Amino acid sequence: MPPTKTNLKRQSIVKAATRMFLTHGYRNISMDKVAKAAPVSKATLYNHFDSKNALLAGVIAELCESLYQTITLTDTLENSIEDTLNRIAASFVELIFSEEAIDIYRLVIAESRDFPELSQLFYDVGPQAVRKQLEDYLQNLSVDNGLLSADAAFSANALLSMLMSDLHMQCLLGIRPLPSEEEKKQLVNKVVSFYLRGMPHDT
């Protein structure tokens, strides 16, 4: 079904606001500037977003949803646990170490004091959604695999935390460049291998 004119207007607004917020920061951008960049009338802009806070929330929701789509757990039952975890880990690493994701983190942190609900939105749509998907997979692992699923939440958090590691903090702070494809591949291989050796088994 083709997008409606209204949806196209909204997409144009969100796209313009995203580019401007990530490039210039939230505080340096006015609704007037977004309307001109979209380009739409101010009336149209306010019909879609009644405040700059609402516009920022829309931008964050759209960005998180777009990035979240890179994480997929399709056909997990047809693959080995190691293959599935490698695929999940690789997708997650691509997600968190993308330039766009790093920019989103920085923007949310910068605005968290004055806009705490934005932090909750970001967490719910981004990190929490990915963690929950991984947790559900671990919870549903067959008991025939001999893996305990009683604390799937801890197991999911452990894997994602290892993948982020100190490397993510360094990238957020801008003290090192984003990892290369080879560095990301090595990170995934090392973390999944270590994780599987430490995963609890039934005795």
N, C-alpha and C. Protein backbone atom coordinates (compact mmCIF):
# COMPACT_ATOMS: atom_id res chain seq x y z
N MET A 1 0.86 -1.20 0.00
CA MET A 1 0.00 0.00 0.00
C MET A 1 0.89 1.24 0.00
N PRO A 2 0.77 2.12 -0.99
CA PRO A 2 1.63 3.30 -1.07
C PRO A 2 1.35 4.26 0.08
N PRO A 3 2.41 4.96 0.55
CA PRO A 3 2.22 5.92 1.64
C PRO A 3 1.32 7.06 1.22
N THR A 4 0.55 7.56 2.17
CA THR A 4 -0.34 8.69 1.90
C THR A 4 0.46 9.98 1.89
N LYS A 5 -0.17 11.05 1.41
CA LYS A 5 0.49 12.35 1.39
C LYS A 5 0.85 12.79 2.80
N THR A 6 -0.04 12.47 3.75
CA THR A 6 0.22 12.83 5.14
C THR A 6 1.44 12.10 5.68
N ASN A 7 1.53 10.80 5.36
CA ASN A 7 2.67 10.01 5.82
C ASN A 7 3.97 10.50 5.19
N LEU A 8 3.90 10.88 3.93
CA LEU A 8 5.09 11.40 3.24
C LEU A 8 5.57 12.70 3.88
N LYS A 9 4.60 13.54 4.27
CA LYS A 9 4.96 14.79 4.95
C LYS A 9 5.66 14.49 6.27
N ARG A 10 5.09 13.55 7.01
CA ARG A 10 5.68 13.19 8.31
C ARG A 10 7.08 12.63 8.12
N GLN A 11 7.25 11.75 7.14
CA GLN A 11 8.56 11.18 6.87
C GLN A 11 9.57 12.27 6.51
N SER A 12 9.13 13.25 5.73
CA SER A 12 10.01 14.35 5.35
C SER A 12 10.43 15.16 6.56
N ILE A 13 9.49 15.39 7.47
CA ILE A 13 9.78 16.14 8.69
C ILE A 13 10.79 15.38 9.56
N VAL A 14 10.51 14.10 9.78
CA VAL A 14 11.39 13.29 10.63
C VAL A 14 12.79 13.18 10.03
N LYS A 15 12.85 13.01 8.73
CA LYS A 15 14.15 12.90 8.06
C LYS A 15 14.95 14.19 8.22
N ALA A 16 14.31 15.33 8.01
CA ALA A 16 15.00 16.62 8.15
C ALA A 16 15.43 16.85 9.60
N ALA A 17 14.54 16.57 10.54
CA ALA A 17 14.85 16.77 11.95
C ALA A 17 15.98 15.85 12.40
N THR A 18 15.96 14.62 11.93
CA THR A 18 17.02 13.67 12.28
C THR A 18 18.38 14.20 11.85
N ARG A 19 18.46 14.61 10.61
CA ARG A 19 19.72 15.12 10.07
C ARG A 19 20.19 16.34 10.87
N MET A 20 19.28 17.22 11.19
CA MET A 20 19.66 18.46 11.88
C MET A 20 20.01 18.23 13.34
N PHE A 21 19.22 17.39 14.05
CA PHE A 21 19.51 17.10 15.45
C PHE A 21 20.86 16.41 15.62
N LEU A 22 21.12 15.41 14.76
CA LEU A 22 22.35 14.65 14.89
C LEU A 22 23.58 15.47 14.48
N THR A 23 23.38 16.41 13.57
CA THR A 23 24.49 17.21 13.09
C THR A 23 24.77 18.41 13.97
N HIS A 24 23.70 19.09 14.40
CA HIS A 24 23.87 20.36 15.11
C HIS A 24 23.47 20.31 16.59
N GLY A 25 22.85 19.22 17.02
CA GLY A 25 22.40 19.15 18.41
C GLY A 25 20.98 19.66 18.57
N TYR A 26 20.31 19.17 19.57
CA TYR A 26 18.90 19.49 19.80
C TYR A 26 18.69 20.97 20.10
N ARG A 27 19.53 21.54 20.93
CA ARG A 27 19.32 22.91 21.40
C ARG A 27 19.54 23.95 20.31
N ASN A 28 20.32 23.60 19.30
CA ASN A 28 20.65 24.58 18.25
C ASN A 28 19.66 24.59 17.10
N ILE A 29 18.63 23.75 17.18
CA ILE A 29 17.67 23.63 16.08
C ILE A 29 16.29 24.09 16.56
N SER A 30 15.67 24.95 15.79
CA SER A 30 14.32 25.44 16.10
C SER A 30 13.31 24.74 15.20
N MET A 31 12.06 24.83 15.58
CA MET A 31 10.99 24.26 14.75
C MET A 31 10.94 24.98 13.40
N ASP A 32 11.23 26.29 13.39
CA ASP A 32 11.26 27.04 12.14
C ASP A 32 12.28 26.45 11.17
N LYS A 33 13.45 26.12 11.70
CA LYS A 33 14.52 25.57 10.86
C LYS A 33 14.12 24.21 10.31
N VAL A 34 13.46 23.40 11.13
CA VAL A 34 13.02 22.08 10.67
C VAL A 34 11.98 22.22 9.57
N ALA A 35 11.04 23.14 9.77
CA ALA A 35 9.99 23.35 8.77
C ALA A 35 10.59 23.77 7.42
N LYS A 36 11.59 24.64 7.47
CA LYS A 36 12.21 25.09 6.23
C LYS A 36 12.99 23.95 5.56
N ALA A 37 13.63 23.10 6.36
CA ALA A 37 14.44 22.01 5.81
C ALA A 37 13.59 20.88 5.27
N ALA A 38 12.37 20.72 5.78
CA ALA A 38 11.55 19.55 5.43
C ALA A 38 11.22 19.40 3.93
N PRO A 39 10.78 20.38 3.17
CA PRO A 39 10.20 21.66 3.60
C PRO A 39 8.69 21.52 3.72
N VAL A 40 8.15 22.06 4.82
CA VAL A 40 6.71 22.09 5.04
C VAL A 40 6.37 23.40 5.73
N SER A 41 5.10 23.71 5.79
CA SER A 41 4.68 24.91 6.52
C SER A 41 4.76 24.64 8.01
N LYS A 42 4.83 25.70 8.79
CA LYS A 42 4.85 25.53 10.25
C LYS A 42 3.57 24.88 10.73
N ALA A 43 2.45 25.20 10.08
CA ALA A 43 1.18 24.59 10.48
C ALA A 43 1.22 23.09 10.28
N THR A 44 1.79 22.65 9.17
CA THR A 44 1.91 21.21 8.91
C THR A 44 2.82 20.55 9.92
N LEU A 45 3.92 21.19 10.22
CA LEU A 45 4.85 20.66 11.21
C LEU A 45 4.17 20.46 12.56
N TYR A 46 3.43 21.49 13.00
CA TYR A 46 2.78 21.39 14.32
C TYR A 46 1.57 20.46 14.30
N ASN A 47 1.02 20.19 13.13
CA ASN A 47 -0.04 19.18 13.05
C ASN A 47 0.49 17.79 13.36
N HIS A 48 1.75 17.57 13.02
CA HIS A 48 2.37 16.26 13.26
C HIS A 48 3.06 16.19 14.61
N PHE A 49 3.70 17.29 15.01
CA PHE A 49 4.44 17.32 16.27
C PHE A 49 4.16 18.66 16.96
N ASP A 50 3.51 18.60 18.12
CA ASP A 50 3.05 19.83 18.75
C ASP A 50 4.14 20.56 19.54
N SER A 51 5.35 19.98 19.60
CA SER A 51 6.45 20.65 20.29
C SER A 51 7.77 20.07 19.79
N LYS A 52 8.85 20.74 20.13
CA LYS A 52 10.17 20.24 19.72
C LYS A 52 10.50 18.96 20.48
N ASN A 53 10.04 18.86 21.73
CA ASN A 53 10.23 17.62 22.48
C ASN A 53 9.54 16.45 21.80
N ALA A 54 8.31 16.68 21.34
CA ALA A 54 7.58 15.63 20.65
C ALA A 54 8.28 15.24 19.35
N LEU A 55 8.84 16.21 18.68
CA LEU A 55 9.57 15.94 17.44
C LEU A 55 10.81 15.11 17.73
N LEU A 56 11.54 15.46 18.78
CA LEU A 56 12.73 14.69 19.15
C LEU A 56 12.35 13.26 19.52
N ALA A 57 11.27 13.11 20.26
CA ALA A 57 10.81 11.76 20.62
C ALA A 57 10.47 10.96 19.36
N GLY A 58 9.84 11.61 18.39
CA GLY A 58 9.53 10.94 17.13
C GLY A 58 10.77 10.53 16.37
N VAL A 59 11.78 11.39 16.38
CA VAL A 59 13.05 11.08 15.72
C VAL A 59 13.72 9.87 16.38
N ILE A 60 13.78 9.87 17.71
CA ILE A 60 14.44 8.77 18.43
C ILE A 60 13.70 7.46 18.19
N ALA A 61 12.36 7.51 18.25
CA ALA A 61 11.57 6.29 18.03
C ALA A 61 11.82 5.74 16.63
N GLU A 62 11.87 6.63 15.64
CA GLU A 62 12.09 6.20 14.26
C GLU A 62 13.49 5.62 14.07
N LEU A 63 14.49 6.25 14.65
CA LEU A 63 15.86 5.76 14.53
C LEU A 63 16.03 4.41 15.21
N CYS A 64 15.49 4.29 16.40
CA CYS A 64 15.61 3.03 17.14
C CYS A 64 14.91 1.90 16.42
N GLU A 65 13.74 2.18 15.89
CA GLU A 65 12.98 1.15 15.17
C GLU A 65 13.74 0.71 13.93
N SER A 66 14.33 1.67 13.23
CA SER A 66 15.09 1.36 12.03
C SER A 66 16.30 0.50 12.36
N LEU A 67 17.03 0.87 13.42
CA LEU A 67 18.21 0.10 13.80
C LEU A 67 17.82 -1.27 14.35
N TYR A 68 16.71 -1.32 15.09
CA TYR A 68 16.26 -2.57 15.69
C TYR A 68 15.94 -3.62 14.63
N GLN A 69 15.52 -3.17 13.46
CA GLN A 69 15.17 -4.12 12.40
C GLN A 69 16.38 -4.90 11.92
N THR A 70 17.60 -4.45 12.27
CA THR A 70 18.78 -5.20 11.87
C THR A 70 18.96 -6.45 12.73
N ILE A 71 18.26 -6.50 13.86
CA ILE A 71 18.35 -7.67 14.74
C ILE A 71 17.22 -8.62 14.39
N THR A 72 17.54 -9.80 13.91
CA THR A 72 16.52 -10.77 13.56
C THR A 72 16.86 -12.13 14.15
N LEU A 73 15.82 -12.82 14.55
CA LEU A 73 16.01 -14.16 15.11
C LEU A 73 15.20 -15.18 14.32
N THR A 74 15.03 -14.94 13.03
CA THR A 74 14.24 -15.85 12.22
C THR A 74 14.97 -17.17 12.03
N ASP A 75 14.18 -18.24 11.98
CA ASP A 75 14.70 -19.58 11.75
C ASP A 75 15.72 -20.03 12.79
N THR A 76 15.60 -19.52 14.02
CA THR A 76 16.57 -19.89 15.03
C THR A 76 16.53 -21.37 15.37
N LEU A 77 15.37 -21.98 15.26
CA LEU A 77 15.25 -23.38 15.62
C LEU A 77 15.94 -24.29 14.61
N GLU A 78 16.24 -23.77 13.43
CA GLU A 78 16.88 -24.58 12.40
C GLU A 78 18.40 -24.46 12.44
N ASN A 79 18.94 -23.71 13.36
CA ASN A 79 20.37 -23.51 13.47
C ASN A 79 20.87 -23.98 14.82
N SER A 80 22.17 -24.25 14.89
CA SER A 80 22.77 -24.60 16.17
C SER A 80 22.77 -23.39 17.07
N ILE A 81 22.90 -23.63 18.38
CA ILE A 81 22.94 -22.52 19.33
C ILE A 81 24.10 -21.59 19.01
N GLU A 82 25.26 -22.17 18.69
CA GLU A 82 26.43 -21.34 18.39
C GLU A 82 26.21 -20.49 17.15
N ASP A 83 25.64 -21.08 16.10
CA ASP A 83 25.38 -20.32 14.88
C ASP A 83 24.38 -19.19 15.14
N THR A 84 23.34 -19.51 15.91
CA THR A 84 22.32 -18.50 16.20
C THR A 84 22.90 -17.36 17.02
N LEU A 85 23.66 -17.69 18.06
CA LEU A 85 24.25 -16.65 18.89
C LEU A 85 25.26 -15.81 18.11
N ASN A 86 25.99 -16.46 17.22
CA ASN A 86 26.93 -15.70 16.38
C ASN A 86 26.18 -14.70 15.50
N ARG A 87 25.04 -15.12 14.95
CA ARG A 87 24.28 -14.23 14.09
C ARG A 87 23.67 -13.08 14.89
N ILE A 88 23.12 -13.40 16.07
CA ILE A 88 22.57 -12.36 16.94
C ILE A 88 23.67 -11.37 17.34
N ALA A 89 24.80 -11.93 17.76
CA ALA A 89 25.90 -11.08 18.22
C ALA A 89 26.41 -10.18 17.10
N ALA A 90 26.54 -10.73 15.90
CA ALA A 90 27.03 -9.95 14.76
C ALA A 90 26.06 -8.82 14.44
N SER A 91 24.76 -9.11 14.49
CA SER A 91 23.76 -8.09 14.20
C SER A 91 23.79 -6.99 15.27
N PHE A 92 23.94 -7.41 16.52
CA PHE A 92 23.96 -6.44 17.63
C PHE A 92 25.19 -5.54 17.53
N VAL A 93 26.33 -6.13 17.19
CA VAL A 93 27.56 -5.35 17.06
C VAL A 93 27.44 -4.35 15.90
N GLU A 94 26.84 -4.79 14.79
CA GLU A 94 26.62 -3.86 13.68
C GLU A 94 25.71 -2.71 14.12
N LEU A 95 24.75 -3.04 14.96
CA LEU A 95 23.80 -2.03 15.46
C LEU A 95 24.49 -0.99 16.34
N ILE A 96 25.17 -1.44 17.38
CA ILE A 96 25.67 -0.50 18.38
C ILE A 96 26.90 0.27 17.92
N PHE A 97 27.62 -0.27 16.93
CA PHE A 97 28.81 0.42 16.46
C PHE A 97 28.61 1.15 15.13
N SER A 98 27.36 1.35 14.76
CA SER A 98 27.10 2.17 13.58
C SER A 98 27.22 3.64 13.97
N GLU A 99 27.59 4.48 13.03
CA GLU A 99 27.73 5.91 13.31
C GLU A 99 26.41 6.50 13.80
N GLU A 100 25.32 6.05 13.21
CA GLU A 100 24.01 6.58 13.58
C GLU A 100 23.67 6.24 15.02
N ALA A 101 23.95 4.98 15.42
CA ALA A 101 23.65 4.56 16.78
C ALA A 101 24.48 5.33 17.80
N ILE A 102 25.76 5.54 17.49
CA ILE A 102 26.62 6.31 18.39
C ILE A 102 26.09 7.73 18.53
N ASP A 103 25.66 8.33 17.42
CA ASP A 103 25.10 9.68 17.45
C ASP A 103 23.83 9.73 18.30
N ILE A 104 23.01 8.69 18.21
CA ILE A 104 21.77 8.64 19.00
C ILE A 104 22.11 8.58 20.48
N TYR A 105 23.03 7.70 20.86
CA TYR A 105 23.45 7.60 22.26
C TYR A 105 23.87 8.96 22.78
N ARG A 106 24.72 9.64 22.03
CA ARG A 106 25.23 10.94 22.47
C ARG A 106 24.10 11.95 22.62
N LEU A 107 23.17 11.94 21.68
CA LEU A 107 22.06 12.89 21.73
C LEU A 107 21.17 12.62 22.93
N VAL A 108 20.86 11.36 23.18
CA VAL A 108 20.00 11.02 24.31
C VAL A 108 20.67 11.38 25.64
N ILE A 109 21.95 11.08 25.75
CA ILE A 109 22.67 11.40 26.98
C ILE A 109 22.71 12.91 27.20
N ALA A 110 22.93 13.67 26.13
CA ALA A 110 23.01 15.13 26.24
C ALA A 110 21.69 15.73 26.71
N GLU A 111 20.58 15.11 26.32
CA GLU A 111 19.26 15.68 26.64
C GLU A 111 18.58 14.99 27.82
N SER A 112 19.23 14.00 28.42
CA SER A 112 18.56 13.18 29.45
C SER A 112 18.17 13.97 30.69
N ARG A 113 18.95 14.97 31.05
CA ARG A 113 18.63 15.74 32.27
C ARG A 113 17.32 16.52 32.11
N ASP A 114 17.16 17.16 30.96
CA ASP A 114 15.97 17.99 30.74
C ASP A 114 14.81 17.22 30.12
N PHE A 115 15.11 16.04 29.59
CA PHE A 115 14.09 15.27 28.86
C PHE A 115 14.21 13.80 29.25
N PRO A 116 14.00 13.46 30.54
CA PRO A 116 14.21 12.09 31.02
C PRO A 116 13.33 11.06 30.32
N GLU A 117 12.13 11.48 29.88
CA GLU A 117 11.26 10.52 29.20
C GLU A 117 11.87 10.06 27.87
N LEU A 118 12.74 10.88 27.30
CA LEU A 118 13.42 10.48 26.08
C LEU A 118 14.35 9.30 26.35
N SER A 119 15.02 9.33 27.49
CA SER A 119 15.90 8.23 27.86
C SER A 119 15.12 6.93 27.98
N GLN A 120 13.94 7.01 28.61
CA GLN A 120 13.11 5.82 28.76
C GLN A 120 12.64 5.31 27.41
N LEU A 121 12.25 6.23 26.53
CA LEU A 121 11.82 5.85 25.19
C LEU A 121 12.95 5.14 24.45
N PHE A 122 14.13 5.73 24.50
CA PHE A 122 15.29 5.14 23.82
C PHE A 122 15.58 3.75 24.36
N TYR A 123 15.54 3.61 25.67
CA TYR A 123 15.84 2.32 26.29
C TYR A 123 14.80 1.27 25.91
N ASP A 124 13.52 1.65 25.94
CA ASP A 124 12.45 0.70 25.65
C ASP A 124 12.47 0.24 24.19
N VAL A 125 12.68 1.18 23.27
CA VAL A 125 12.60 0.86 21.85
C VAL A 125 13.89 0.25 21.34
N GLY A 126 15.02 0.60 21.97
CA GLY A 126 16.31 0.12 21.50
C GLY A 126 16.87 -1.02 22.33
N PRO A 127 17.73 -0.72 23.32
CA PRO A 127 18.41 -1.77 24.09
C PRO A 127 17.48 -2.79 24.74
N GLN A 128 16.39 -2.32 25.35
CA GLN A 128 15.47 -3.24 26.02
C GLN A 128 14.82 -4.20 25.04
N ALA A 129 14.45 -3.71 23.86
CA ALA A 129 13.79 -4.56 22.86
C ALA A 129 14.73 -5.65 22.38
N VAL A 130 15.99 -5.31 22.15
CA VAL A 130 16.97 -6.30 21.71
C VAL A 130 17.23 -7.32 22.80
N ARG A 131 17.40 -6.83 24.04
CA ARG A 131 17.66 -7.74 25.16
C ARG A 131 16.50 -8.71 25.36
N LYS A 132 15.27 -8.20 25.23
CA LYS A 132 14.09 -9.06 25.43
C LYS A 132 14.01 -10.13 24.35
N GLN A 133 14.36 -9.78 23.12
CA GLN A 133 14.31 -10.75 22.04
C GLN A 133 15.33 -11.87 22.28
N LEU A 134 16.52 -11.49 22.72
CA LEU A 134 17.54 -12.49 23.03
C LEU A 134 17.12 -13.32 24.24
N GLU A 135 16.55 -12.68 25.23
CA GLU A 135 16.10 -13.39 26.42
C GLU A 135 15.04 -14.44 26.06
N ASP A 136 14.10 -14.07 25.19
CA ASP A 136 13.06 -15.01 24.78
C ASP A 136 13.67 -16.23 24.08
N TYR A 137 14.68 -15.98 23.24
CA TYR A 137 15.34 -17.10 22.56
C TYR A 137 16.00 -18.03 23.57
N LEU A 138 16.73 -17.47 24.53
CA LEU A 138 17.41 -18.30 25.52
C LEU A 138 16.40 -19.03 26.40
N GLN A 139 15.30 -18.35 26.72
CA GLN A 139 14.27 -18.97 27.56
C GLN A 139 13.64 -20.17 26.88
N ASN A 140 13.54 -20.10 25.56
CA ASN A 140 12.84 -21.14 24.81
C ASN A 140 13.74 -22.26 24.30
N LEU A 141 15.02 -22.19 24.65
CA LEU A 141 15.91 -23.27 24.23
C LEU A 141 15.39 -24.61 24.78
N SER A 142 15.44 -25.62 23.97
CA SER A 142 14.96 -26.93 24.39
C SER A 142 15.80 -27.46 25.55
N VAL A 143 15.12 -28.11 26.51
CA VAL A 143 15.84 -28.71 27.63
C VAL A 143 16.75 -29.83 27.15
N ASP A 144 16.50 -30.32 25.94
CA ASP A 144 17.36 -31.36 25.38
C ASP A 144 18.78 -30.86 25.15
N ASN A 145 18.93 -29.54 25.08
CA ASN A 145 20.27 -28.99 24.90
C ASN A 145 21.06 -28.97 26.20
N GLY A 146 20.37 -29.25 27.30
CA GLY A 146 21.05 -29.25 28.59
C GLY A 146 21.37 -27.87 29.12
N LEU A 147 20.74 -26.85 28.58
CA LEU A 147 21.02 -25.48 29.01
C LEU A 147 19.93 -24.99 29.95
N LEU A 148 20.36 -24.37 31.01
CA LEU A 148 19.40 -23.83 31.96
C LEU A 148 18.81 -22.54 31.42
N SER A 149 17.52 -22.36 31.55
CA SER A 149 16.88 -21.14 31.08
C SER A 149 16.21 -20.38 32.21
N ALA A 150 16.49 -20.80 33.47
CA ALA A 150 15.82 -20.18 34.61
C ALA A 150 16.19 -18.71 34.75
N ASP A 151 17.40 -18.35 34.34
CA ASP A 151 17.82 -16.95 34.46
C ASP A 151 18.22 -16.43 33.08
N ALA A 152 17.29 -16.52 32.15
CA ALA A 152 17.57 -16.10 30.79
C ALA A 152 17.85 -14.61 30.72
N ALA A 153 17.23 -13.82 31.60
CA ALA A 153 17.45 -12.37 31.60
C ALA A 153 18.91 -12.06 31.90
N PHE A 154 19.46 -12.73 32.92
CA PHE A 154 20.88 -12.51 33.25
C PHE A 154 21.77 -12.96 32.12
N SER A 155 21.45 -14.10 31.53
CA SER A 155 22.26 -14.63 30.43
C SER A 155 22.25 -13.69 29.23
N ALA A 156 21.09 -13.13 28.91
CA ALA A 156 20.99 -12.19 27.79
C ALA A 156 21.79 -10.92 28.09
N ASN A 157 21.66 -10.40 29.31
CA ASN A 157 22.40 -9.19 29.69
C ASN A 157 23.90 -9.43 29.63
N ALA A 158 24.33 -10.62 30.06
CA ALA A 158 25.75 -10.94 30.08
C ALA A 158 26.34 -10.93 28.67
N LEU A 159 25.63 -11.54 27.73
CA LEU A 159 26.13 -11.58 26.35
C LEU A 159 26.21 -10.18 25.75
N LEU A 160 25.14 -9.40 25.89
CA LEU A 160 25.12 -8.07 25.30
C LEU A 160 26.15 -7.15 25.96
N SER A 161 26.35 -7.30 27.26
CA SER A 161 27.33 -6.47 27.95
C SER A 161 28.74 -6.77 27.47
N MET A 162 29.05 -8.05 27.25
CA MET A 162 30.37 -8.41 26.76
C MET A 162 30.60 -7.87 25.35
N LEU A 163 29.55 -7.86 24.55
CA LEU A 163 29.69 -7.35 23.19
C LEU A 163 29.92 -5.84 23.18
N MET A 164 29.33 -5.14 24.11
CA MET A 164 29.54 -3.69 24.18
C MET A 164 30.94 -3.40 24.70
N SER A 165 31.30 -4.02 25.81
CA SER A 165 32.63 -3.92 26.40
C SER A 165 33.09 -2.47 26.55
N ASP A 166 34.36 -2.30 26.87
CA ASP A 166 34.93 -0.96 27.01
C ASP A 166 35.05 -0.28 25.65
N LEU A 167 35.04 -1.07 24.59
CA LEU A 167 35.17 -0.53 23.24
C LEU A 167 34.04 0.45 22.92
N HIS A 168 32.83 0.12 23.33
CA HIS A 168 31.69 0.99 23.06
C HIS A 168 31.84 2.32 23.79
N MET A 169 32.29 2.28 25.04
CA MET A 169 32.51 3.50 25.80
C MET A 169 33.55 4.39 25.13
N GLN A 170 34.63 3.78 24.65
CA GLN A 170 35.68 4.55 23.98
C GLN A 170 35.14 5.23 22.71
N CYS A 171 34.30 4.51 21.97
CA CYS A 171 33.71 5.08 20.75
C CYS A 171 32.75 6.22 21.09
N LEU A 172 31.96 6.04 22.14
CA LEU A 172 31.04 7.09 22.57
C LEU A 172 31.79 8.36 22.94
N LEU A 173 32.93 8.19 23.61
CA LEU A 173 33.72 9.33 24.05
C LEU A 173 34.56 9.93 22.93
N GLY A 174 34.60 9.24 21.80
CA GLY A 174 35.36 9.75 20.67
C GLY A 174 36.86 9.63 20.81
N ILE A 175 37.32 8.74 21.68
CA ILE A 175 38.77 8.60 21.88
C ILE A 175 39.37 7.52 21.00
N ARG A 176 38.50 6.84 20.24
CA ARG A 176 38.99 5.90 19.24
C ARG A 176 37.94 5.81 18.13
N PRO A 177 38.36 5.44 16.92
CA PRO A 177 37.40 5.32 15.83
C PRO A 177 36.53 4.09 15.98
N LEU A 178 35.45 4.04 15.23
CA LEU A 178 34.61 2.84 15.24
C LEU A 178 35.41 1.65 14.75
N PRO A 179 35.12 0.46 15.28
CA PRO A 179 35.89 -0.72 14.90
C PRO A 179 35.71 -1.08 13.43
N SER A 180 36.75 -1.66 12.85
CA SER A 180 36.69 -2.14 11.47
C SER A 180 35.85 -3.40 11.40
N GLU A 181 35.53 -3.83 10.18
CA GLU A 181 34.77 -5.07 10.01
C GLU A 181 35.52 -6.25 10.61
N GLU A 182 36.83 -6.28 10.45
CA GLU A 182 37.63 -7.38 11.01
C GLU A 182 37.62 -7.34 12.53
N GLU A 183 37.71 -6.15 13.10
CA GLU A 183 37.68 -6.03 14.56
C GLU A 183 36.33 -6.46 15.12
N LYS A 184 35.25 -6.12 14.43
CA LYS A 184 33.92 -6.54 14.88
C LYS A 184 33.77 -8.05 14.78
N LYS A 185 34.29 -8.63 13.73
CA LYS A 185 34.21 -10.09 13.56
C LYS A 185 34.98 -10.80 14.67
N GLN A 186 36.16 -10.30 14.99
CA GLN A 186 36.96 -10.90 16.06
C GLN A 186 36.26 -10.78 17.41
N LEU A 187 35.64 -9.62 17.65
CA LEU A 187 34.91 -9.41 18.90
C LEU A 187 33.79 -10.41 19.05
N VAL A 188 33.01 -10.60 18.00
CA VAL A 188 31.88 -11.54 18.04
C VAL A 188 32.39 -12.96 18.30
N ASN A 189 33.41 -13.38 17.58
CA ASN A 189 33.93 -14.74 17.73
C ASN A 189 34.45 -14.99 19.14
N LYS A 190 35.19 -14.04 19.68
CA LYS A 190 35.76 -14.22 21.02
C LYS A 190 34.68 -14.23 22.09
N VAL A 191 33.72 -13.33 21.97
CA VAL A 191 32.68 -13.22 22.99
C VAL A 191 31.77 -14.44 22.99
N VAL A 192 31.32 -14.87 21.82
CA VAL A 192 30.41 -16.03 21.75
C VAL A 192 31.12 -17.29 22.23
N SER A 193 32.37 -17.46 21.85
CA SER A 193 33.14 -18.63 22.29
C SER A 193 33.28 -18.64 23.81
N PHE A 194 33.61 -17.50 24.39
CA PHE A 194 33.76 -17.38 25.84
C PHE A 194 32.42 -17.58 26.53
N TYR A 195 31.38 -17.02 25.97
CA TYR A 195 30.03 -17.10 26.53
C TYR A 195 29.54 -18.54 26.59
N LEU A 196 29.74 -19.28 25.52
CA LEU A 196 29.27 -20.66 25.48
C LEU A 196 30.02 -21.55 26.46
N ARG A 197 31.28 -21.28 26.68
CA ARG A 197 32.04 -22.07 27.66
C ARG A 197 31.54 -21.82 29.09
N GLY A 198 31.01 -20.62 29.33
CA GLY A 198 30.55 -20.29 30.67
C GLY A 198 29.07 -20.48 30.90
N MET A 199 28.33 -20.82 29.83
CA MET A 199 26.88 -20.97 29.97
C MET A 199 26.55 -22.17 30.86
N PRO A 200 25.65 -22.01 31.84
CA PRO A 200 25.33 -23.10 32.77
C PRO A 200 24.62 -24.26 32.08
N HIS A 201 24.94 -25.49 32.53
CA HIS A 201 24.32 -26.70 32.00
C HIS A 201 23.64 -27.47 33.12
N ASP A 202 22.64 -28.24 32.77
CA ASP A 202 22.00 -29.14 33.73
C ASP A 202 23.00 -30.19 34.18
N THR A 203 22.90 -30.57 35.42
CA THR A 203 23.76 -31.64 35.92
C THR A 203 22.90 -32.72 36.55
